[in-house]
C-alpha atoms as a PDB file:
ATOM      1  CA  SER A   1      -1.793 -46.046 -11.190  1.00  0.00           C
ATOM      2  CA  LEU A   2      -2.889 -43.172  -8.919  1.00  0.00           C
ATOM      3  CA  PRO A   3      -0.199 -40.694 -10.207  1.00  0.00           C
ATOM      4  CA  GLN A   4      -1.167 -41.453 -13.783  1.00  0.00           C
ATOM      5  CA  GLN A   5      -4.838 -40.928 -12.936  1.00  0.00           C
ATOM      6  CA  LYS A   6      -4.006 -37.553 -11.409  1.00  0.00           C
ATOM      7  CA  LEU A   7      -2.150 -36.480 -14.559  1.00  0.00           C
ATOM      8  CA  LEU A   8      -5.130 -37.479 -16.668  1.00  0.00           C
ATOM      9  CA  THR A   9      -7.428 -35.545 -14.359  1.00  0.00           C
ATOM     10  CA  TRP A  10      -5.338 -32.380 -14.569  1.00  0.00           C
ATOM     11  CA  LEU A  11      -5.086 -32.761 -18.353  1.00  0.00           C
ATOM     12  CA  SER A  12      -8.868 -33.007 -18.543  1.00  0.00           C
ATOM     13  CA  VAL A  13      -9.269 -29.910 -16.393  1.00  0.00           C
ATOM     14  CA  LEU A  14      -6.966 -27.936 -18.647  1.00  0.00           C
ATOM     15  CA  GLU A  15      -8.843 -28.967 -21.765  1.00  0.00           C
ATOM     16  CA  CYS A  16     -12.118 -27.962 -20.129  1.00  0.00           C
ATOM     17  CA  VAL A  17     -10.999 -24.462 -19.072  1.00  0.00           C
ATOM     18  CA  GLU A  18      -8.596 -23.468 -21.808  1.00  0.00           C
ATOM     19  CA  VAL A  19     -11.096 -21.504 -23.958  1.00  0.00           C
ATOM     20  CA  PHE A  20     -12.546 -19.754 -20.912  1.00  0.00           C
ATOM     21  CA  ALA A  21      -9.055 -18.875 -19.670  1.00  0.00           C
ATOM     22  CA  GLU A  22      -8.078 -17.449 -23.046  1.00  0.00           C
ATOM     23  CA  MET A  23     -11.202 -15.332 -23.405  1.00  0.00           C
ATOM     24  CA  GLY A  24     -11.106 -14.146 -19.799  1.00  0.00           C
ATOM     25  CA  THR A  25      -7.451 -13.220 -19.947  1.00  0.00           C
ATOM     26  CA  ALA A  26      -7.967 -11.352 -23.217  1.00  0.00           C
ATOM     27  CA  ARG A  27     -10.782  -9.343 -21.633  1.00  0.00           C
ATOM     28  CA  MET A  28      -8.714  -8.457 -18.520  1.00  0.00           C
ATOM     29  CA  TRP A  29      -5.135  -8.065 -19.818  1.00  0.00           C
ATOM     30  CA  GLY A  30      -5.366  -7.736 -23.571  1.00  0.00           C
ATOM     31  CA  GLU A  31      -3.476  -9.512 -26.341  1.00  0.00           C
ATOM     32  CA  MET A  32      -0.242  -9.904 -24.381  1.00  0.00           C
ATOM     33  CA  GLY A  33      -1.986 -11.611 -21.512  1.00  0.00           C
ATOM     34  CA  ARG A  34      -3.983 -13.762 -23.927  1.00  0.00           C
ATOM     35  CA  TRP A  35      -0.907 -15.119 -25.715  1.00  0.00           C
ATOM     36  CA  THR A  36       0.854 -15.615 -22.356  1.00  0.00           C
ATOM     37  CA  ILE A  37      -1.926 -17.851 -21.031  1.00  0.00           C
ATOM     38  CA  ILE A  38      -2.080 -19.707 -24.378  1.00  0.00           C
ATOM     39  CA  VAL A  39       1.619 -20.517 -24.182  1.00  0.00           C
ATOM     40  CA  LEU A  40       1.392 -21.551 -20.482  1.00  0.00           C
ATOM     41  CA  ILE A  41      -1.581 -23.875 -21.030  1.00  0.00           C
ATOM     42  CA  GLN A  42      -0.068 -25.490 -24.148  1.00  0.00           C
ATOM     43  CA  LEU A  43       3.233 -25.967 -22.306  1.00  0.00           C
ATOM     44  CA  ALA A  44       1.491 -27.583 -19.343  1.00  0.00           C
ATOM     45  CA  LYS A  45      -0.533 -29.868 -21.652  1.00  0.00           C
ATOM     46  CA  ALA A  46       2.568 -30.907 -23.565  1.00  0.00           C
ATOM     47  CA  ILE A  47       4.494 -31.687 -20.352  1.00  0.00           C
ATOM     48  CA  LEU A  48       1.635 -33.786 -18.940  1.00  0.00           C
ATOM     49  CA  ARG A  49       1.208 -35.675 -22.228  1.00  0.00           C
ATOM     50  CA  LEU A  50       4.938 -36.309 -22.530  1.00  0.00           C
ATOM     51  CA  LEU A  51       5.059 -37.636 -19.000  1.00  0.00           C
ATOM     52  CA  LEU A  52       2.160 -40.020 -19.784  1.00  0.00           C
ATOM     53  CA  LEU A  53       3.801 -41.105 -23.057  1.00  0.00           C
ATOM     54  CA  LEU A  54       7.421 -41.551 -22.018  1.00  0.00           C
ATOM     55  CA  TRP A  55       7.251 -42.280 -18.260  1.00  0.00           C
ATOM     56  CA  TYR A  56       3.939 -44.148 -17.840  1.00  0.00           C
ATOM     57  CA  LYS A  57       3.838 -45.706 -21.354  1.00  0.00           C
ATOM     58  CA  ALA A  58       0.252 -44.604 -21.829  1.00  0.00           C
ATOM     59  CA  GLY A  59       0.378 -45.209 -25.599  1.00  0.00           C
ATOM     60  CA  ILE A  60      -1.814 -43.226 -27.990  1.00  0.00           C
ATOM     61  CA  GLN A  61      -3.522 -40.621 -25.941  1.00  0.00           C
ATOM     62  CA  THR A  62      -7.181 -39.987 -26.540  1.00  0.00           C
ATOM     63  CA  SER A  63      -9.245 -36.846 -26.322  1.00  0.00           C
ATOM     64  CA  PRO A  64     -10.838 -36.355 -23.858  1.00  0.00           C
ATOM     65  CA  PRO A  65      -8.135 -37.983 -21.690  1.00  0.00           C
ATOM     66  CA  ILE A  66     -10.761 -39.589 -19.389  1.00  0.00           C
ATOM     67  CA  MET A  67     -13.670 -41.387 -21.027  1.00  0.00           C
ATOM     68  CA  PRO A  68     -16.954 -39.600 -20.220  1.00  0.00           C
ATOM     69  CA  LEU A  69     -19.323 -41.417 -17.906  1.00  0.00           C
ATOM     70  CA  SER A  70     -22.284 -43.077 -19.656  1.00  0.00           C
ATOM     71  CA  ARG A  71     -25.069 -42.448 -17.219  1.00  0.00           C
ATOM     72  CA  GLU A  72     -27.445 -44.699 -19.166  1.00  0.00           C
ATOM     73  CA  GLN A  73     -25.281 -47.644 -18.220  1.00  0.00           C
ATOM     74  CA  GLN A  74     -24.469 -46.602 -14.685  1.00  0.00           C
ATOM     75  CA  HIS A  75     -27.789 -47.168 -12.935  1.00  0.00           C
ATOM     76  CA  PRO A  76     -27.195 -47.477  -9.152  1.00  0.00           C
ATOM     77  CA  LEU A  77     -28.920 -50.389  -7.531  1.00  0.00           C
ATOM     78  CA  HIS A  78     -31.739 -49.638  -5.065  1.00  0.00           C
ATOM     79  CA  PRO A  79     -31.314 -51.299  -1.631  1.00  0.00           C
ATOM     80  CA  GLN A  80     -34.415 -53.374  -2.356  1.00  0.00           C
ATOM     81  CA  ASP A  81     -32.746 -54.614  -5.540  1.00  0.00           C
ATOM     82  CA  VAL A  82     -29.677 -55.626  -3.604  1.00  0.00           C
ATOM     83  CA  GLU A  83     -31.780 -57.552  -1.101  1.00  0.00           C
ATOM     84  CA  ASP A  84     -33.626 -59.357  -3.898  1.00  0.00           C
ATOM     85  CA  ASN A  85     -30.367 -60.332  -5.524  1.00  0.00           C
ATOM     86  CA  SER A  86     -28.907 -61.599  -2.263  1.00  0.00           C
ATOM     87  CA  SER A  87     -32.047 -63.582  -1.468  1.00  0.00           C
ATOM     88  CA  GLY A  88     -31.635 -65.615  -4.635  1.00  0.00           C
ATOM     89  CA  LYS A  89     -34.849 -64.676  -6.339  1.00  0.00           C
ATOM     90  CA  ASP A  90     -35.062 -65.400 -10.065  1.00  0.00           C
ATOM     91  CA  GLN A  91     -34.656 -62.168 -12.027  1.00  0.00           C
ATOM     92  CA  THR A  92     -36.051 -63.511 -15.340  1.00  0.00           C
ATOM     93  CA  TYR A  93     -38.854 -65.628 -16.592  1.00  0.00           C
ATOM     94  CA  VAL A  94     -38.763 -67.532 -19.894  1.00  0.00           C
ATOM     95  CA  GLY A  95     -42.068 -67.885 -21.695  1.00  0.00           C
ATOM     96  CA  ARG A  96     -43.032 -71.488 -22.360  1.00  0.00           C
ATOM     97  CA  ARG A  97     -44.375 -70.898 -25.904  1.00  0.00           C
ATOM     98  CA  SER A  98     -42.512 -67.812 -27.111  1.00  0.00           C
ATOM     99  CA  SER A  99     -39.243 -68.467 -25.233  1.00  0.00           C
ATOM    100  CA  ARG A 100     -39.126 -64.728 -24.605  1.00  0.00           C
ATOM    101  CA  VAL A 101     -37.080 -63.640 -21.611  1.00  0.00           C
ATOM    102  CA  VAL A 102     -38.825 -61.057 -19.381  1.00  0.00           C
ATOM    103  CA  ARG A 103     -38.095 -59.733 -15.918  1.00  0.00           C
ATOM    104  CA  SER A 104     -40.022 -61.428 -13.136  1.00  0.00           C
ATOM    105  CA  LEU A 105     -42.284 -59.304 -10.970  1.00  0.00           C
ATOM    106  CA  GLN A 106     -40.329 -60.109  -7.818  1.00  0.00           C
ATOM    107  CA  SER A 107     -37.110 -58.585  -9.210  1.00  0.00           C
ATOM    108  CA  THR A 108     -38.564 -55.387 -10.669  1.00  0.00           C
ATOM    109  CA  PRO A 109     -36.092 -52.620  -9.727  1.00  0.00           C
ATOM    110  CA  SER A 110     -36.998 -49.200  -8.405  1.00  0.00           C
ATOM    111  CA  LEU A 111     -38.152 -46.539 -10.835  1.00  0.00           C
ATOM    112  CA  GLN A 112     -34.848 -44.612 -10.602  1.00  0.00           C
ATOM    113  CA  SER A 113     -32.778 -47.588 -11.775  1.00  0.00           C
ATOM    114  CA  ARG A 114     -35.336 -49.186 -14.152  1.00  0.00           C
ATOM    115  CA  HIS A 115     -34.394 -49.888 -17.733  1.00  0.00           C
ATOM    116  CA  TRP A 116     -36.412 -51.352 -20.558  1.00  0.00           C
ATOM    117  CA  GLY A 117     -34.012 -53.850 -22.051  1.00  0.00           C
ATOM    118  CA  SER A 118     -33.623 -57.437 -20.999  1.00  0.00           C
ATOM    119  CA  PRO A 119     -31.211 -58.178 -18.127  1.00  0.00           C
ATOM    120  CA  GLN A 120     -28.984 -60.096 -20.556  1.00  0.00           C
ATOM    121  CA  GLN A 121     -28.685 -57.058 -22.859  1.00  0.00           C
ATOM    122  CA  ARG A 122     -27.811 -54.804 -19.931  1.00  0.00           C
ATOM    123  CA  GLU A 123     -25.205 -57.190 -18.558  1.00  0.00           C
ATOM    124  CA  LYS A 124     -23.709 -57.626 -22.045  1.00  0.00           C
ATOM    125  CA  SER A 125     -23.427 -53.869 -22.626  1.00  0.00           C
ATOM    126  CA  GLN A 126     -21.953 -53.270 -19.191  1.00  0.00           C
ATOM    127  CA  SER A 127     -19.414 -56.031 -19.638  1.00  0.00           C
ATOM    128  CA  GLN A 128     -18.421 -54.697 -23.090  1.00  0.00           C
ATOM    129  CA  ARG A 129     -17.984 -51.195 -21.668  1.00  0.00           C
ATOM    130  CA  ALA A 130     -15.948 -52.514 -18.712  1.00  0.00           C
ATOM    131  CA  GLU A 131     -13.781 -54.483 -21.131  1.00  0.00           C
ATOM    132  CA  GLU A 132     -13.154 -51.380 -23.259  1.00  0.00           C
ATOM    133  CA  MET A 133     -12.246 -49.356 -20.170  1.00  0.00           C
ATOM    134  CA  ASN A 134      -9.835 -51.956 -18.863  1.00  0.00           C
ATOM    135  CA  GLN A 135      -8.036 -52.624 -22.174  1.00  0.00           C
ATOM    136  CA  PRO A 136      -4.351 -51.867 -21.753  1.00  0.00           C
ATOM    137  CA  PRO A 137      -2.750 -49.363 -24.175  1.00  0.00           C
ATOM    138  CA  THR A 138      -1.052 -50.758 -27.220  1.00  0.00           C
ATOM    139  CA  PRO A 139       2.769 -50.757 -26.700  1.00  0.00           C
ATOM    140  CA  LEU A 140       4.480 -48.254 -28.944  1.00  0.00           C
ATOM    141  CA  GLY A 141       7.795 -48.864 -30.690  1.00  0.00           C
ATOM    142  CA  LEU A 142      10.354 -46.182 -31.422  1.00  0.00           C
ATOM    143  CA  GLN A 143       8.656 -45.048 -34.661  1.00  0.00           C
ATOM    144  CA  GLU A 144       5.233 -44.814 -32.993  1.00  0.00           C
ATOM    145  CA  THR A 145       6.660 -43.024 -29.954  1.00  0.00           C
ATOM    146  CA  ILE A 146       8.257 -40.444 -32.222  1.00  0.00           C
ATOM    147  CA  ALA A 147       4.913 -40.036 -34.094  1.00  0.00           C
ATOM    148  CA  GLU A 148       2.977 -39.481 -30.854  1.00  0.00           C
ATOM    149  CA  SER A 149       5.667 -37.087 -29.613  1.00  0.00           C
ATOM    150  CA  LEU A 150       5.233 -35.098 -32.824  1.00  0.00           C
ATOM    151  CA  TYR A 151       1.516 -34.872 -32.200  1.00  0.00           C
ATOM    152  CA  VAL A 152       2.043 -33.808 -28.586  1.00  0.00           C
ATOM    153  CA  THR A 153       4.625 -31.118 -29.306  1.00  0.00           C
ATOM    154  CA  ARG A 154       2.902 -29.783 -32.470  1.00  0.00           C
ATOM    155  CA  PRO A 155       1.058 -26.985 -30.591  1.00  0.00           C
ATOM    156  CA  LEU A 156       4.316 -25.725 -29.030  1.00  0.00           C
ATOM    157  CA  LEU A 157       6.141 -25.766 -32.393  1.00  0.00           C
ATOM    158  CA  HIS A 158       3.199 -23.955 -33.968  1.00  0.00           C
ATOM    159  CA  LEU A 159       3.303 -21.236 -31.285  1.00  0.00           C
ATOM    160  CA  LEU A 160       7.057 -20.922 -31.710  1.00  0.00           C
ATOM    161  CA  SER A 161       6.688 -20.548 -35.505  1.00  0.00           C
ATOM    162  CA  LEU A 162       3.979 -17.909 -34.967  1.00  0.00           C
ATOM    163  CA  GLY A 163       6.381 -15.919 -32.814  1.00  0.00           C
ATOM    164  CA  VAL A 164       9.132 -16.187 -35.401  1.00  0.00           C
ATOM    165  CA  TRP A 165       7.223 -15.621 -38.652  1.00  0.00           C
ATOM    166  CA  GLY A 166       3.997 -13.917 -37.542  1.00  0.00           C
ATOM    167  CA  GLN A 167       0.344 -14.816 -37.833  1.00  0.00           C
ATOM    168  CA  ARG A 168       0.027 -13.840 -41.482  1.00  0.00           C
ATOM    169  CA  SER A 169       2.765 -16.153 -42.675  1.00  0.00           C
ATOM    170  CA  TRP A 170       2.075 -19.506 -44.311  1.00  0.00           C
ATOM    171  CA  LYS A 171       4.983 -21.192 -42.549  1.00  0.00           C
ATOM    172  CA  PRO A 172       3.214 -21.917 -39.256  1.00  0.00           C
ATOM    173  CA  TRP A 173       0.257 -23.362 -41.114  1.00  0.00           C
ATOM    174  CA  LEU A 174       2.470 -25.562 -43.296  1.00  0.00           C
ATOM    175  CA  LEU A 175       4.640 -26.712 -40.320  1.00  0.00           C
ATOM    176  CA  SER A 176       1.588 -27.717 -38.336  1.00  0.00           C
ATOM    177  CA  ALA A 177       0.059 -29.588 -41.275  1.00  0.00           C
ATOM    178  CA  VAL A 178       3.309 -31.439 -41.973  1.00  0.00           C
ATOM    179  CA  LEU A 179       3.592 -32.515 -38.328  1.00  0.00           C
ATOM    180  CA  ASP A 180       0.016 -33.750 -38.150  1.00  0.00           C
ATOM    181  CA  ILE A 181       0.179 -35.692 -41.405  1.00  0.00           C
ATOM    182  CA  SER A 182       3.591 -37.136 -40.479  1.00  0.00           C
ATOM    183  CA  SER A 183       2.285 -38.317 -37.132  1.00  0.00           C
ATOM    184  CA  LEU A 184      -0.734 -40.009 -38.642  1.00  0.00           C
ATOM    185  CA  SER A 185       1.407 -41.627 -41.367  1.00  0.00           C
ATOM    186  CA  LEU A 186       3.794 -43.123 -38.844  1.00  0.00           C
ATOM    187  CA  LEU A 187       0.966 -44.373 -36.633  1.00  0.00           C
ATOM    188  CA  SER A 188      -0.914 -45.924 -39.543  1.00  0.00           C
ATOM    189  CA  ASP A 189       1.401 -48.933 -39.560  1.00  0.00           C
ATOM    190  CA  LEU A 190       0.478 -49.820 -35.962  1.00  0.00           C
ATOM    191  CA  LYS A 191      -1.697 -52.914 -35.720  1.00  0.00           C
ATOM    192  CA  ASP A 192      -3.863 -54.444 -33.001  1.00  0.00           C
ATOM    193  CA  LEU A 193      -5.154 -51.128 -31.685  1.00  0.00           C
ATOM    194  CA  ASN A 194      -8.000 -51.199 -29.177  1.00  0.00           C
ATOM    195  CA  LYS A 195     -11.306 -49.545 -29.868  1.00  0.00           C
ATOM    196  CA  ARG A 196     -10.521 -46.208 -28.216  1.00  0.00           C
ATOM    197  CA  GLU A 197      -7.210 -45.862 -29.984  1.00  0.00           C
ATOM    198  CA  ARG A 198      -8.781 -46.582 -33.401  1.00  0.00           C
ATOM    199  CA  ALA A 199     -11.460 -43.980 -32.669  1.00  0.00           C
ATOM    200  CA  GLU A 200      -8.766 -41.479 -31.673  1.00  0.00           C
ATOM    201  CA  LEU A 201      -6.889 -41.966 -34.958  1.00  0.00           C
ATOM    202  CA  ARG A 202     -10.120 -41.490 -36.883  1.00  0.00           C
ATOM    203  CA  ARG A 203     -10.813 -38.319 -34.917  1.00  0.00           C
ATOM    204  CA  ARG A 204      -7.331 -36.956 -35.719  1.00  0.00           C
ATOM    205  CA  THR A 205      -7.847 -37.713 -39.418  1.00  0.00           C
ATOM    206  CA  ILE A 206     -11.188 -35.898 -39.502  1.00  0.00           C
ATOM    207  CA  LEU A 207      -9.642 -32.946 -37.704  1.00  0.00           C
ATOM    208  CA  LEU A 208      -7.341 -32.405 -40.679  1.00  0.00           C
ATOM    209  CA  LEU A 209     -10.369 -30.637 -42.244  1.00  0.00           C
ATOM    210  CA  TYR A 210      -9.769 -27.898 -39.709  1.00  0.00           C
ATOM    211  CA  TYR A 211      -6.885 -26.702 -41.895  1.00  0.00           C
ATOM    212  CA  LEU A 212      -9.525 -25.382 -44.316  1.00  0.00           C
ATOM    213  CA  LEU A 213     -10.793 -23.144 -41.494  1.00  0.00           C
ATOM    214  CA  ARG A 214      -7.390 -22.024 -40.173  1.00  0.00           C
ATOM    215  CA  SER A 215      -5.700 -18.798 -41.137  1.00  0.00           C
ATOM    216  CA  PRO A 216      -4.185 -17.807 -43.485  1.00  0.00           C
ATOM    217  CA  PHE A 217      -5.867 -20.488 -45.714  1.00  0.00           C
ATOM    218  CA  TYR A 218      -9.278 -19.500 -44.388  1.00  0.00           C
ATOM    219  CA  ASP A 219      -8.699 -15.769 -44.940  1.00  0.00           C
ATOM    220  CA  ARG A 220      -7.528 -16.196 -48.515  1.00  0.00           C
ATOM    221  CA  TYR A 221      -9.475 -19.136 -49.925  1.00  0.00           C
ATOM    222  CA  SER A 222     -12.105 -20.705 -47.637  1.00  0.00           C
ATOM    223  CA  GLU A 223     -13.943 -17.748 -46.130  1.00  0.00           C
ATOM    224  CA  SER A 224     -15.741 -16.473 -49.204  1.00  0.00           C
ATOM    225  CA  ARG A 225     -16.725 -19.985 -50.395  1.00  0.00           C
ATOM    226  CA  ILE A 226     -17.952 -21.153 -46.993  1.00  0.00           C
ATOM    227  CA  LEU A 227     -20.009 -17.999 -46.437  1.00  0.00           C
ATOM    228  CA  LEU A 228     -21.491 -18.291 -49.940  1.00  0.00           C
ATOM    229  CA  LEU A 229     -22.493 -21.882 -49.333  1.00  0.00           C
ATOM    230  CA  LEU A 230     -24.051 -21.043 -45.986  1.00  0.00           C
ATOM    231  CA  ARG A 231     -25.943 -18.134 -47.500  1.00  0.00           C
ATOM    232  CA  LEU A 232     -27.285 -20.271 -50.353  1.00  0.00           C
ATOM    233  CA  LEU A 233     -28.416 -22.926 -47.856  1.00  0.00           C
ATOM    234  CA  ALA A 234     -30.115 -20.285 -45.709  1.00  0.00           C
ATOM    235  CA  ASP A 235     -31.934 -18.676 -48.665  1.00  0.00           C
ATOM    236  CA  TYR A 236     -33.059 -21.718 -50.647  1.00  0.00           C
ATOM    237  CA  VAL A 237     -33.407 -24.660 -48.168  1.00  0.00           C
ATOM    238  CA  PRO A 238     -36.352 -24.260 -45.851  1.00  0.00           C
ATOM    239  CA  GLY A 239     -35.534 -24.435 -42.119  1.00  0.00           C
ATOM    240  CA  VAL A 240     -31.795 -24.556 -42.579  1.00  0.00           C
ATOM    241  CA  GLY A 241     -31.426 -20.832 -42.035  1.00  0.00           C
ATOM    242  CA  PHE A 242     -32.000 -21.243 -38.290  1.00  0.00           C
ATOM    243  CA  VAL A 243     -28.653 -23.006 -38.187  1.00  0.00           C
ATOM    244  CA  THR A 244     -26.623 -21.411 -40.983  1.00  0.00           C
ATOM    245  CA  ARG A 245     -27.304 -17.754 -40.183  1.00  0.00           C
ATOM    246  CA  PRO A 246     -26.067 -17.970 -36.563  1.00  0.00           C
ATOM    247  CA  LEU A 247     -23.134 -20.008 -37.839  1.00  0.00           C
ATOM    248  CA  MET A 248     -22.222 -17.264 -40.291  1.00  0.00           C
ATOM    249  CA  ASP A 249     -22.176 -14.758 -37.380  1.00  0.00           C
ATOM    250  CA  TYR A 250     -20.211 -17.157 -35.195  1.00  0.00           C
ATOM    251  CA  LEU A 251     -17.383 -17.941 -37.621  1.00  0.00           C
ATOM    252  CA  PRO A 252     -15.496 -14.621 -37.211  1.00  0.00           C
ATOM    253  CA  ALA A 253     -15.545 -14.974 -33.397  1.00  0.00           C
ATOM    254  CA  TRP A 254     -14.494 -18.605 -33.646  1.00  0.00           C
ATOM    255  CA  GLN A 255     -11.558 -17.546 -35.817  1.00  0.00           C
ATOM    256  CA  LYS A 256     -10.182 -15.232 -33.134  1.00  0.00           C
ATOM    257  CA  ILE A 257     -10.073 -17.899 -30.383  1.00  0.00           C
ATOM    258  CA  TYR A 258      -6.901 -19.905 -30.535  1.00  0.00           C
ATOM    259  CA  PHE A 259      -8.041 -22.972 -28.623  1.00  0.00           C
ATOM    260  CA  TYR A 260     -11.127 -23.424 -30.837  1.00  0.00           C
ATOM    261  CA  ASN A 261      -8.912 -23.114 -33.852  1.00  0.00           C
ATOM    262  CA  TRP A 262      -5.547 -24.697 -33.063  1.00  0.00           C
ATOM    263  CA  GLY A 263      -5.741 -26.198 -29.596  1.00  0.00           C
END
């Protein structure tokens, strides 16, 4: 529906500008302004996601909320191509000996919309993509709705725990980890997921590795080991230093930005 599409659009906009908003606010108004904008953005995201989950029954919500456009599969038709299709010209030719399907010279599209696969392959890929886009969300029961609600509200609970116990405490880290693992465990029993929903659950599972890079675990255990590994790779593996040395310089800055780390 149109209101649901607008909610997804606003949610996508928030996810695109959240890091910029945090860094810009920190530069202009300091730490107080930075944490204020973090709370406001996370609150807005949680409200939009809860509306999609509880009111519009959107099911498991993916990230990004709107599937990116695949420009390789969205070639606009040239007016000449439309005229050829409407005139009924054959678009393919089947070789008599090889049985190979090739495009006929009369139906060659313009250079801007030309592709190098067979028309059947293109139509098949486009139909598969359209089918994936139009698949309805899997209905969620009470257990799955609670699990998705835990995932949606986890950032707010983490911020609240940071305000109560402070950034150096282990309690916010443990609370967030428990909520993420509980949500995935409750959703693991759900069957008949579509392709996007299965990919989203795999993405959430992989993102559990972020807990190795989140404070205070990173400050006390991971930092020295990760930097040692990157330094060894830079010193002893030819060519890898072009990637690992900038990454070593980037990690401290990445650690300070909330939305890269916890968002």
